[in-house]
């Protein structure tokens, strides 16, 4: 220790310490002069301190392998070296200088800082000292560990300062530049320009921030997250936030405001260009739903995560245009989506993927039948939101062929189930109504498909395959209720149960004329007539007209995936058909 008086008033000290507990550290501090006391500064306006310690207590946490070389003068206090191998999960190697008044310090410095643990106790202290909102702390939890280089320097003019950070943040490469018009002390009140980016392997970065089950981007290209904002915390910011991978992107540009409690709100434009919209559905809480390629824009207003409005949606999903509005609110603890969407045409395959998931539609092979063997439980987590969105389509197509005319329904989901409710579709001059539910989400592999279908005044040829459609006519009314459980759609169909009935008004069957009976009766000696002649005469008799009936009725059951006609009665003109 060196103490100078007179012409050279200064204090210089050097200490080498072993391992001190919190109690021992407090005892040592009690022996040292109070450097914050103004009398100490008057007595020793210049000085230096060098401290080396195996471990000392700093703010309640042990600082391991501490090396600190500090100097001061009436103008500045500086650390020419500040090195801590471990302090509550952090390590620091840098230098810093503090100038100005105590109530408005001017801090500059540079060095390296490593966050060694995601749940670092030192981070908790820093968060508490900075007053960081708990939601922000949760959002940052996935960022660690990190290895960063920092530089805090004076700007080109006045009180301006610039902070730069670069290095690794979790699984990505991170860069940040903060231009503070009034310096670090006025960070929360002065003008601020913030530019940041994070780049890394897509799956790793998304998993790091808790999106492993809500992957927006999938592929070998790196994922880039970028941020540019300009403004102030008091007046609000304008800027752009974006995620991109190759030719895909999800971006927001517009206003941003930060409330006193840390909640972020804004109004602007959201744009999305994605090869597949599955991640968007999962992000909305509808995990398991699959969407086609998405090219969309919408006006976005949000208030934290409690209120979100997507208005003036203009999108192309798959090959079809979509328009409408979506709103996110809260019902208790669970987010709830509502809204309405319109499209000129809806692809039946796309609707099936949105209902069952893409994986469930895989595995169709001639040897296994027409139903896919893909898993219905590709996503085993319960959904994190509920929703009820009305859909209005000009038509529904399948493989480019129109199957329904104008169609409307409600697409809904909750934690356990997904459903199509109150579907009404024009088909064959009549209507089809349907409700169908897929339940239940969770770790089990089986899912239950259940529903009800009704027909009213539907042309029979709209329900039958091509060859049959040319030979049958009538208007169908009917109903069916069904239920099946299995790990795939094929399993569900093999286990399907149900029942239904139908009636066909103005029934007609071409080439099934009742006059065949008198034609056959008129054959002389039919037992001795060769088969070809009998076949020809019978065919001529059947082709003389149609079998017609005012009404055909029947009922059927489904068990083990097999439909059985229980009762069919057709009282026709000149004949009758019955089956059981």
Foldseek 3Di string as FASTA:
>chain_A
DDADADPQGAEEEEDEEEADDAVRLVVVVVPDDDCVDVVVCVRHQWYKYWYFYCWYADPRWIFGGWTWIWIGHVFKIKTPWTWTCDTQQKTWTWMKMWGDDPLDIAIWIWTKMWRRDLPGPVVVVVCVVVVPFPVVNLQLSLFDGWIKIWTWAADPDDQKIKIWIWGGGQAWTKIKIKIFPNHDVCQQPGKIWIKMKTKHAQCRVCVSRPCNQLRQDDDGFIKMWIWIWTGHQVVWIWTKTKIDGVPWIWMWTFIWYADPSGKIWTKTKIWTFGQWCQSVCVVVQNHQFTWGTKTWMFIWTDTHQAKIKTAQIWMQTPHWTKGWIKIWHDDDPAIEIEIEMEIQEAEPVNVCCRAQNPQLQDQADPVLDGFHPGFSQPDQFFGRHKYKYKYWYQFYDYPRHTLWGTWIWIWIDGRFKTKTAFIWTHAQNWIKTKIWMWGGHHDDLKIKIWMKMWIFQHWPLSVDDDVQSVFKTFGKTKMKIKMAMDRHRSRRLQAMWIKMKMKTAFIKGALQDLQLVVQLVPDPPVVPDDPVVNVVSSSVRSRPGIWTARMKIWMWIAGSNDIDTDWIWGDTDNDIDIDD
